[in-house]
């Protein structure tokens, strides 16, 4: 049997870990790898690292990962990609993503991060500020109202309590209100967060409140991620 014609290549070209590349080459030559030097689940972390880097950069990296420069110092190339990507949303903690990707692209599979350690990265624990288009289009049980509250309203306790009651009374016209929050300090200062019992009520409130005027001001109403609201993550601005 001709082994060269019966080789099953491990991983897709461009996302292939170094040890998979080696095993494929040896298999092509009819040489079997010894001991535990073959491929493990670490090859998947390598592929994921390349995919994340491509998603961030917006370019295919097949030729890059084949280059001698990559083999000599892949970490430097990752740093270069991040340093030159001016299109990244500043709300994303890019330095955590950079470090996560670099830990996935370590040449030695025994030193490469595992799935368990990758999930412990700060990249997965820091909330992302949602894009304004998502907040407008994707319903959630939480409504965020902008352009309503002046700083002067926040520092007068009686006036503040009156505003809370007025806003709750108004918002209850559209559905069952579970909670209502108007932060006095940043982040979220002066924004009105209204948690409804369900997304349908919130969607109706967003539709009817958008564009209305209160005290001569046009209301801007968007949805807000329930998970972020529950955890106390309030974004002052959204790009």
C-alpha atoms as a PDB file:
ATOM      1  CA  UNK A   1       0.000   0.000   0.000  1.00  0.00           C
ATOM      2  CA  UNK A   2       1.215   3.453  -0.887  1.00  0.00           C
ATOM      3  CA  UNK A   3       1.030   5.459   2.361  1.00  0.00           C
ATOM      4  CA  UNK A   4       1.383   8.743   0.499  1.00  0.00           C
ATOM      5  CA  UNK A   5      -2.001   8.164  -1.115  1.00  0.00           C
ATOM      6  CA  UNK A   6      -3.726   7.163   2.115  1.00  0.00           C
ATOM      7  CA  UNK A   7      -2.873  10.127   4.352  1.00  0.00           C
ATOM      8  CA  UNK A   8      -5.746  11.758   6.259  1.00  0.00           C
ATOM      9  CA  UNK A   9      -4.596  15.301   6.960  1.00  0.00           C
ATOM     10  CA  UNK A  10      -5.148  16.647  10.452  1.00  0.00           C
ATOM     11  CA  UNK A  11      -6.826  20.073  10.610  1.00  0.00           C
ATOM     12  CA  UNK A  12      -7.563  22.612   7.910  1.00  0.00           C
ATOM     13  CA  UNK A  13      -4.733  24.403   6.169  1.00  0.00           C
ATOM     14  CA  UNK A  14      -4.225  27.830   7.692  1.00  0.00           C
ATOM     15  CA  UNK A  15      -5.529  26.699  11.097  1.00  0.00           C
ATOM     16  CA  UNK A  16      -3.137  23.790  11.565  1.00  0.00           C
ATOM     17  CA  UNK A  17      -1.076  23.617  14.744  1.00  0.00           C
ATOM     18  CA  UNK A  18       2.687  23.042  14.403  1.00  0.00           C
ATOM     19  CA  UNK A  19       2.467  19.525  15.853  1.00  0.00           C
ATOM     20  CA  UNK A  20      -0.321  18.668  13.394  1.00  0.00           C
ATOM     21  CA  UNK A  21       1.839  19.971  10.565  1.00  0.00           C
ATOM     22  CA  UNK A  22       4.671  17.736  11.738  1.00  0.00           C
ATOM     23  CA  UNK A  23       2.457  14.675  12.119  1.00  0.00           C
ATOM     24  CA  UNK A  24       1.024  15.196   8.650  1.00  0.00           C
ATOM     25  CA  UNK A  25       4.510  15.477   7.151  1.00  0.00           C
ATOM     26  CA  UNK A  26       5.662  12.316   8.873  1.00  0.00           C
ATOM     27  CA  UNK A  27       2.560  10.452   7.807  1.00  0.00           C
ATOM     28  CA  UNK A  28       3.115  11.602   4.240  1.00  0.00           C
ATOM     29  CA  UNK A  29       6.594  10.146   4.442  1.00  0.00           C
ATOM     30  CA  UNK A  30       5.294   6.900   5.944  1.00  0.00           C
ATOM     31  CA  UNK A  31       6.828   7.524   9.375  1.00  0.00           C
ATOM     32  CA  UNK A  32       4.816   6.824  12.520  1.00  0.00           C
ATOM     33  CA  UNK A  33       5.180   9.124  15.523  1.00  0.00           C
ATOM     34  CA  UNK A  34       6.338   7.528  18.753  1.00  0.00           C
ATOM     35  CA  UNK A  35       4.993   7.738  22.275  1.00  0.00           C
ATOM     36  CA  UNK A  36       2.776  10.674  23.213  1.00  0.00           C
ATOM     37  CA  UNK A  37       4.274  13.050  20.642  1.00  0.00           C
ATOM     38  CA  UNK A  38       1.148  13.036  18.487  1.00  0.00           C
ATOM     39  CA  UNK A  39      -1.685  15.546  18.387  1.00  0.00           C
ATOM     40  CA  UNK A  40      -3.895  16.276  21.382  1.00  0.00           C
ATOM     41  CA  UNK A  41      -6.773  18.622  22.107  1.00  0.00           C
ATOM     42  CA  UNK A  42      -4.169  21.405  22.124  1.00  0.00           C
ATOM     43  CA  UNK A  43      -4.455  21.588  18.335  1.00  0.00           C
ATOM     44  CA  UNK A  44      -7.994  22.932  18.734  1.00  0.00           C
ATOM     45  CA  UNK A  45      -6.794  25.798  20.922  1.00  0.00           C
ATOM     46  CA  UNK A  46      -4.284  26.730  18.227  1.00  0.00           C
ATOM     47  CA  UNK A  47      -7.027  26.801  15.600  1.00  0.00           C
ATOM     48  CA  UNK A  48      -9.246  28.894  17.853  1.00  0.00           C
ATOM     49  CA  UNK A  49      -6.400  31.357  18.395  1.00  0.00           C
ATOM     50  CA  UNK A  50      -6.026  31.826  14.635  1.00  0.00           C
ATOM     51  CA  UNK A  51      -9.786  32.235  14.206  1.00  0.00           C
ATOM     52  CA  UNK A  52      -9.974  34.882  16.946  1.00  0.00           C
ATOM     53  CA  UNK A  53      -7.032  36.750  15.420  1.00  0.00           C
ATOM     54  CA  UNK A  54      -8.707  36.705  12.009  1.00  0.00           C
ATOM     55  CA  UNK A  55     -11.981  37.920  13.490  1.00  0.00           C
ATOM     56  CA  UNK A  56     -10.195  40.787  15.196  1.00  0.00           C
ATOM     57  CA  UNK A  57      -8.038  41.781  12.237  1.00  0.00           C
ATOM     58  CA  UNK A  58     -10.640  41.154   9.555  1.00  0.00           C
ATOM     59  CA  UNK A  59      -8.104  39.433   7.287  1.00  0.00           C
ATOM     60  CA  UNK A  60      -7.259  35.829   6.409  1.00  0.00           C
ATOM     61  CA  UNK A  61      -3.945  34.775   7.910  1.00  0.00           C
ATOM     62  CA  UNK A  62      -3.151  31.644   5.918  1.00  0.00           C
ATOM     63  CA  UNK A  63      -0.080  33.142   4.261  1.00  0.00           C
ATOM     64  CA  UNK A  64       1.008  34.851   7.480  1.00  0.00           C
ATOM     65  CA  UNK A  65       1.064  31.667   9.552  1.00  0.00           C
ATOM     66  CA  UNK A  66       3.067  29.962   6.817  1.00  0.00           C
ATOM     67  CA  UNK A  67       5.760  32.657   6.810  1.00  0.00           C
ATOM     68  CA  UNK A  68       9.189  32.386   8.400  1.00  0.00           C
ATOM     69  CA  UNK A  69       8.482  35.563  10.368  1.00  0.00           C
ATOM     70  CA  UNK A  70       5.572  33.814  12.055  1.00  0.00           C
ATOM     71  CA  UNK A  71       7.689  30.776  12.878  1.00  0.00           C
ATOM     72  CA  UNK A  72      10.424  33.000  14.292  1.00  0.00           C
ATOM     73  CA  UNK A  73       8.183  35.163  16.480  1.00  0.00           C
ATOM     74  CA  UNK A  74       4.426  34.731  16.200  1.00  0.00           C
ATOM     75  CA  UNK A  75       3.869  36.765  19.387  1.00  0.00           C
ATOM     76  CA  UNK A  76       5.431  39.835  17.751  1.00  0.00           C
ATOM     77  CA  UNK A  77       3.084  39.496  14.790  1.00  0.00           C
ATOM     78  CA  UNK A  78       0.088  39.264  17.115  1.00  0.00           C
ATOM     79  CA  UNK A  79       1.279  42.430  18.882  1.00  0.00           C
ATOM     80  CA  UNK A  80       1.640  44.141  15.505  1.00  0.00           C
ATOM     81  CA  UNK A  81      -1.903  43.169  14.461  1.00  0.00           C
ATOM     82  CA  UNK A  82      -3.366  44.626  17.634  1.00  0.00           C
ATOM     83  CA  UNK A  83      -1.233  47.767  17.527  1.00  0.00           C
ATOM     84  CA  UNK A  84      -2.347  48.550  13.981  1.00  0.00           C
ATOM     85  CA  UNK A  85      -6.046  47.776  14.215  1.00  0.00           C
ATOM     86  CA  UNK A  86      -7.588  51.216  14.727  1.00  0.00           C
ATOM     87  CA  UNK A  87     -11.083  49.974  13.903  1.00  0.00           C
ATOM     88  CA  UNK A  88     -11.496  48.065  17.138  1.00  0.00           C
ATOM     89  CA  UNK A  89     -14.298  49.200  19.415  1.00  0.00           C
ATOM     90  CA  UNK A  90     -12.681  50.814  22.485  1.00  0.00           C
ATOM     91  CA  UNK A  91     -15.255  49.129  24.718  1.00  0.00           C
ATOM     92  CA  UNK A  92     -13.644  45.738  24.048  1.00  0.00           C
ATOM     93  CA  UNK A  93     -10.706  44.984  26.382  1.00  0.00           C
ATOM     94  CA  UNK A  94      -8.383  44.262  23.467  1.00  0.00           C
ATOM     95  CA  UNK A  95      -5.272  43.721  25.560  1.00  0.00           C
ATOM     96  CA  UNK A  96      -6.981  40.782  27.287  1.00  0.00           C
ATOM     97  CA  UNK A  97      -7.982  39.347  23.913  1.00  0.00           C
ATOM     98  CA  UNK A  98      -4.406  39.818  22.660  1.00  0.00           C
ATOM     99  CA  UNK A  99      -2.940  37.949  25.628  1.00  0.00           C
ATOM    100  CA  UNK A 100      -5.532  35.187  25.295  1.00  0.00           C
ATOM    101  CA  UNK A 101      -4.712  34.681  21.618  1.00  0.00           C
ATOM    102  CA  UNK A 102      -0.972  34.623  22.324  1.00  0.00           C
ATOM    103  CA  UNK A 103      -1.485  31.945  24.969  1.00  0.00           C
ATOM    104  CA  UNK A 104      -3.342  29.850  22.371  1.00  0.00           C
ATOM    105  CA  UNK A 105      -0.583  30.232  19.790  1.00  0.00           C
ATOM    106  CA  UNK A 106       2.345  28.916  21.814  1.00  0.00           C
ATOM    107  CA  UNK A 107       4.349  26.556  19.599  1.00  0.00           C
ATOM    108  CA  UNK A 108       4.909  23.925  22.296  1.00  0.00           C
ATOM    109  CA  UNK A 109       1.521  22.236  22.835  1.00  0.00           C
ATOM    110  CA  UNK A 110       2.468  21.376  26.415  1.00  0.00           C
ATOM    111  CA  UNK A 111       2.915  25.086  27.163  1.00  0.00           C
ATOM    112  CA  UNK A 112      -0.195  26.150  25.237  1.00  0.00           C
ATOM    113  CA  UNK A 113      -3.218  27.172  27.278  1.00  0.00           C
ATOM    114  CA  UNK A 114      -6.002  24.653  27.748  1.00  0.00           C
ATOM    115  CA  UNK A 115      -9.702  25.288  27.287  1.00  0.00           C
ATOM    116  CA  UNK A 116     -10.067  25.448  31.060  1.00  0.00           C
ATOM    117  CA  UNK A 117      -7.370  28.083  31.494  1.00  0.00           C
ATOM    118  CA  UNK A 118      -8.621  30.036  28.482  1.00  0.00           C
ATOM    119  CA  UNK A 119     -12.045  30.396  30.089  1.00  0.00           C
ATOM    120  CA  UNK A 120     -10.377  31.941  33.141  1.00  0.00           C
ATOM    121  CA  UNK A 121      -9.030  34.802  31.019  1.00  0.00           C
ATOM    122  CA  UNK A 122     -10.206  38.288  32.063  1.00  0.00           C
ATOM    123  CA  UNK A 123     -11.418  38.625  28.474  1.00  0.00           C
ATOM    124  CA  UNK A 124     -14.411  36.466  29.353  1.00  0.00           C
ATOM    125  CA  UNK A 125     -15.209  38.191  32.643  1.00  0.00           C
ATOM    126  CA  UNK A 126     -15.277  41.836  31.536  1.00  0.00           C
ATOM    127  CA  UNK A 127     -18.607  42.907  30.033  1.00  0.00           C
ATOM    128  CA  UNK A 128     -18.679  44.389  26.547  1.00  0.00           C
ATOM    129  CA  UNK A 129     -20.572  47.606  25.959  1.00  0.00           C
ATOM    130  CA  UNK A 130     -23.199  46.671  23.354  1.00  0.00           C
ATOM    131  CA  UNK A 131     -23.371  48.544  20.076  1.00  0.00           C
ATOM    132  CA  UNK A 132     -26.116  51.157  19.818  1.00  0.00           C
ATOM    133  CA  UNK A 133     -27.680  49.358  16.830  1.00  0.00           C
ATOM    134  CA  UNK A 134     -28.023  46.171  18.880  1.00  0.00           C
ATOM    135  CA  UNK A 135     -29.624  48.079  21.732  1.00  0.00           C
ATOM    136  CA  UNK A 136     -32.228  49.507  19.378  1.00  0.00           C
ATOM    137  CA  UNK A 137     -33.006  46.312  17.464  1.00  0.00           C
ATOM    138  CA  UNK A 138     -32.681  43.444  19.944  1.00  0.00           C
ATOM    139  CA  UNK A 139     -35.486  43.367  22.559  1.00  0.00           C
ATOM    140  CA  UNK A 140     -34.760  42.531  26.175  1.00  0.00           C
ATOM    141  CA  UNK A 141     -36.831  42.981  29.360  1.00  0.00           C
ATOM    142  CA  UNK A 142     -34.847  46.122  30.229  1.00  0.00           C
ATOM    143  CA  UNK A 143     -35.494  49.522  28.677  1.00  0.00           C
ATOM    144  CA  UNK A 144     -32.972  52.350  28.818  1.00  0.00           C
ATOM    145  CA  UNK A 145     -34.252  55.924  28.478  1.00  0.00           C
ATOM    146  CA  UNK A 146     -31.899  58.760  27.573  1.00  0.00           C
ATOM    147  CA  UNK A 147     -32.178  62.535  27.350  1.00  0.00           C
ATOM    148  CA  UNK A 148     -34.595  62.820  30.268  1.00  0.00           C
ATOM    149  CA  UNK A 149     -32.774  63.656  33.484  1.00  0.00           C
ATOM    150  CA  UNK A 150     -30.637  66.736  34.178  1.00  0.00           C
ATOM    151  CA  UNK A 151     -27.943  66.787  36.855  1.00  0.00           C
ATOM    152  CA  UNK A 152     -30.034  69.253  38.828  1.00  0.00           C
ATOM    153  CA  UNK A 153     -32.764  66.627  39.195  1.00  0.00           C
ATOM    154  CA  UNK A 154     -30.325  64.168  40.723  1.00  0.00           C
ATOM    155  CA  UNK A 155     -29.092  66.370  43.549  1.00  0.00           C
ATOM    156  CA  UNK A 156     -32.447  67.430  44.916  1.00  0.00           C
ATOM    157  CA  UNK A 157     -33.717  64.440  46.896  1.00  0.00           C
ATOM    158  CA  UNK A 158     -37.384  65.445  46.844  1.00  0.00           C
ATOM    159  CA  UNK A 159     -37.293  66.122  43.121  1.00  0.00           C
ATOM    160  CA  UNK A 160     -35.421  62.878  42.551  1.00  0.00           C
ATOM    161  CA  UNK A 161     -38.066  60.850  44.381  1.00  0.00           C
ATOM    162  CA  UNK A 162     -40.811  62.592  42.418  1.00  0.00           C
ATOM    163  CA  UNK A 163     -39.087  61.713  39.156  1.00  0.00           C
ATOM    164  CA  UNK A 164     -38.803  58.074  40.221  1.00  0.00           C
ATOM    165  CA  UNK A 165     -42.512  57.916  40.961  1.00  0.00           C
ATOM    166  CA  UNK A 166     -43.474  59.737  37.768  1.00  0.00           C
ATOM    167  CA  UNK A 167     -41.297  57.497  35.629  1.00  0.00           C
ATOM    168  CA  UNK A 168     -42.615  54.340  37.255  1.00  0.00           C
ATOM    169  CA  UNK A 169     -46.203  55.473  36.807  1.00  0.00           C
ATOM    170  CA  UNK A 170     -45.598  56.310  33.150  1.00  0.00           C
ATOM    171  CA  UNK A 171     -43.723  53.085  32.389  1.00  0.00           C
ATOM    172  CA  UNK A 172     -46.369  50.920  34.049  1.00  0.00           C
ATOM    173  CA  UNK A 173     -48.807  52.003  31.351  1.00  0.00           C
ATOM    174  CA  UNK A 174     -47.030  49.634  28.977  1.00  0.00           C
ATOM    175  CA  UNK A 175     -46.522  46.576  31.167  1.00  0.00           C
ATOM    176  CA  UNK A 176     -45.568  45.212  34.574  1.00  0.00           C
ATOM    177  CA  UNK A 177     -42.496  47.025  35.937  1.00  0.00           C
ATOM    178  CA  UNK A 178     -40.206  44.840  38.040  1.00  0.00           C
ATOM    179  CA  UNK A 179     -37.667  47.531  38.929  1.00  0.00           C
ATOM    180  CA  UNK A 180     -36.641  51.049  37.981  1.00  0.00           C
ATOM    181  CA  UNK A 181     -33.229  52.639  38.432  1.00  0.00           C
ATOM    182  CA  UNK A 182     -31.905  56.155  37.842  1.00  0.00           C
ATOM    183  CA  UNK A 183     -28.199  56.240  38.819  1.00  0.00           C
ATOM    184  CA  UNK A 184     -26.942  59.422  40.445  1.00  0.00           C
ATOM    185  CA  UNK A 185     -23.311  58.741  39.618  1.00  0.00           C
ATOM    186  CA  UNK A 186     -21.323  57.453  36.663  1.00  0.00           C
ATOM    187  CA  UNK A 187     -21.564  55.051  34.971  1.00  0.00           C
ATOM    188  CA  UNK A 188     -25.164  55.401  33.909  1.00  0.00           C
ATOM    189  CA  UNK A 189     -25.641  58.778  35.533  1.00  0.00           C
ATOM    190  CA  UNK A 190     -28.996  60.297  34.583  1.00  0.00           C
ATOM    191  CA  UNK A 191     -30.110  57.339  32.494  1.00  0.00           C
ATOM    192  CA  UNK A 192     -33.391  55.617  33.321  1.00  0.00           C
ATOM    193  CA  UNK A 193     -33.355  51.814  33.427  1.00  0.00           C
ATOM    194  CA  UNK A 194     -36.737  50.094  33.517  1.00  0.00           C
ATOM    195  CA  UNK A 195     -36.976  46.343  33.996  1.00  0.00           C
ATOM    196  CA  UNK A 196     -40.207  44.851  32.681  1.00  0.00           C
ATOM    197  CA  UNK A 197     -41.604  41.421  33.472  1.00  0.00           C
ATOM    198  CA  UNK A 198     -41.005  40.299  29.887  1.00  0.00           C
ATOM    199  CA  UNK A 199     -39.495  41.424  26.592  1.00  0.00           C
ATOM    200  CA  UNK A 200     -42.888  41.923  24.921  1.00  0.00           C
ATOM    201  CA  UNK A 201     -43.931  44.630  27.381  1.00  0.00           C
ATOM    202  CA  UNK A 202     -40.521  46.261  27.066  1.00  0.00           C
ATOM    203  CA  UNK A 203     -40.750  46.230  23.284  1.00  0.00           C
ATOM    204  CA  UNK A 204     -44.142  47.938  23.407  1.00  0.00           C
ATOM    205  CA  UNK A 205     -42.795  50.563  25.806  1.00  0.00           C
ATOM    206  CA  UNK A 206     -39.811  51.210  23.545  1.00  0.00           C
ATOM    207  CA  UNK A 207     -42.088  51.668  20.558  1.00  0.00           C
ATOM    208  CA  UNK A 208     -44.442  54.096  22.305  1.00  0.00           C
ATOM    209  CA  UNK A 209     -41.861  56.088  24.241  1.00  0.00           C
ATOM    210  CA  UNK A 210     -39.357  56.650  21.434  1.00  0.00           C
ATOM    211  CA  UNK A 211     -39.657  60.184  20.127  1.00  0.00           C
ATOM    212  CA  UNK A 212     -42.022  61.401  22.835  1.00  0.00           C
ATOM    213  CA  UNK A 213     -41.226  64.648  24.590  1.00  0.00           C
ATOM    214  CA  UNK A 214     -40.936  65.145  28.330  1.00  0.00           C
ATOM    215  CA  UNK A 215     -40.245  68.628  29.631  1.00  0.00           C
ATOM    216  CA  UNK A 216     -39.395  69.688  26.076  1.00  0.00           C
ATOM    217  CA  UNK A 217     -36.898  66.849  25.506  1.00  0.00           C
ATOM    218  CA  UNK A 218     -37.143  64.075  22.937  1.00  0.00           C
ATOM    219  CA  UNK A 219     -36.889  60.660  24.558  1.00  0.00           C
ATOM    220  CA  UNK A 220     -34.348  58.171  23.247  1.00  0.00           C
ATOM    221  CA  UNK A 221     -35.382  54.617  24.185  1.00  0.00           C
ATOM    222  CA  UNK A 222     -33.209  51.548  23.649  1.00  0.00           C
ATOM    223  CA  UNK A 223     -33.168  48.050  25.038  1.00  0.00           C
ATOM    224  CA  UNK A 224     -30.490  47.013  27.505  1.00  0.00           C
ATOM    225  CA  UNK A 225     -28.949  43.571  28.250  1.00  0.00           C
ATOM    226  CA  UNK A 226     -30.729  41.995  31.209  1.00  0.00           C
ATOM    227  CA  UNK A 227     -27.582  40.192  32.353  1.00  0.00           C
ATOM    228  CA  UNK A 228     -25.600  43.447  32.472  1.00  0.00           C
ATOM    229  CA  UNK A 229     -28.397  45.239  34.321  1.00  0.00           C
ATOM    230  CA  UNK A 230     -28.714  42.461  36.899  1.00  0.00           C
ATOM    231  CA  UNK A 231     -24.962  42.479  37.512  1.00  0.00           C
ATOM    232  CA  UNK A 232     -24.842  46.262  37.889  1.00  0.00           C
ATOM    233  CA  UNK A 233     -22.921  46.937  34.682  1.00  0.00           C
ATOM    234  CA  UNK A 234     -24.176  50.298  33.452  1.00  0.00           C
ATOM    235  CA  UNK A 235     -22.486  51.863  30.440  1.00  0.00           C
ATOM    236  CA  UNK A 236     -22.206  55.623  30.363  1.00  0.00           C
ATOM    237  CA  UNK A 237     -21.867  55.806  26.604  1.00  0.00           C
ATOM    238  CA  UNK A 238     -22.150  53.343  23.751  1.00  0.00           C
ATOM    239  CA  UNK A 239     -20.192  53.890  20.542  1.00  0.00           C
END
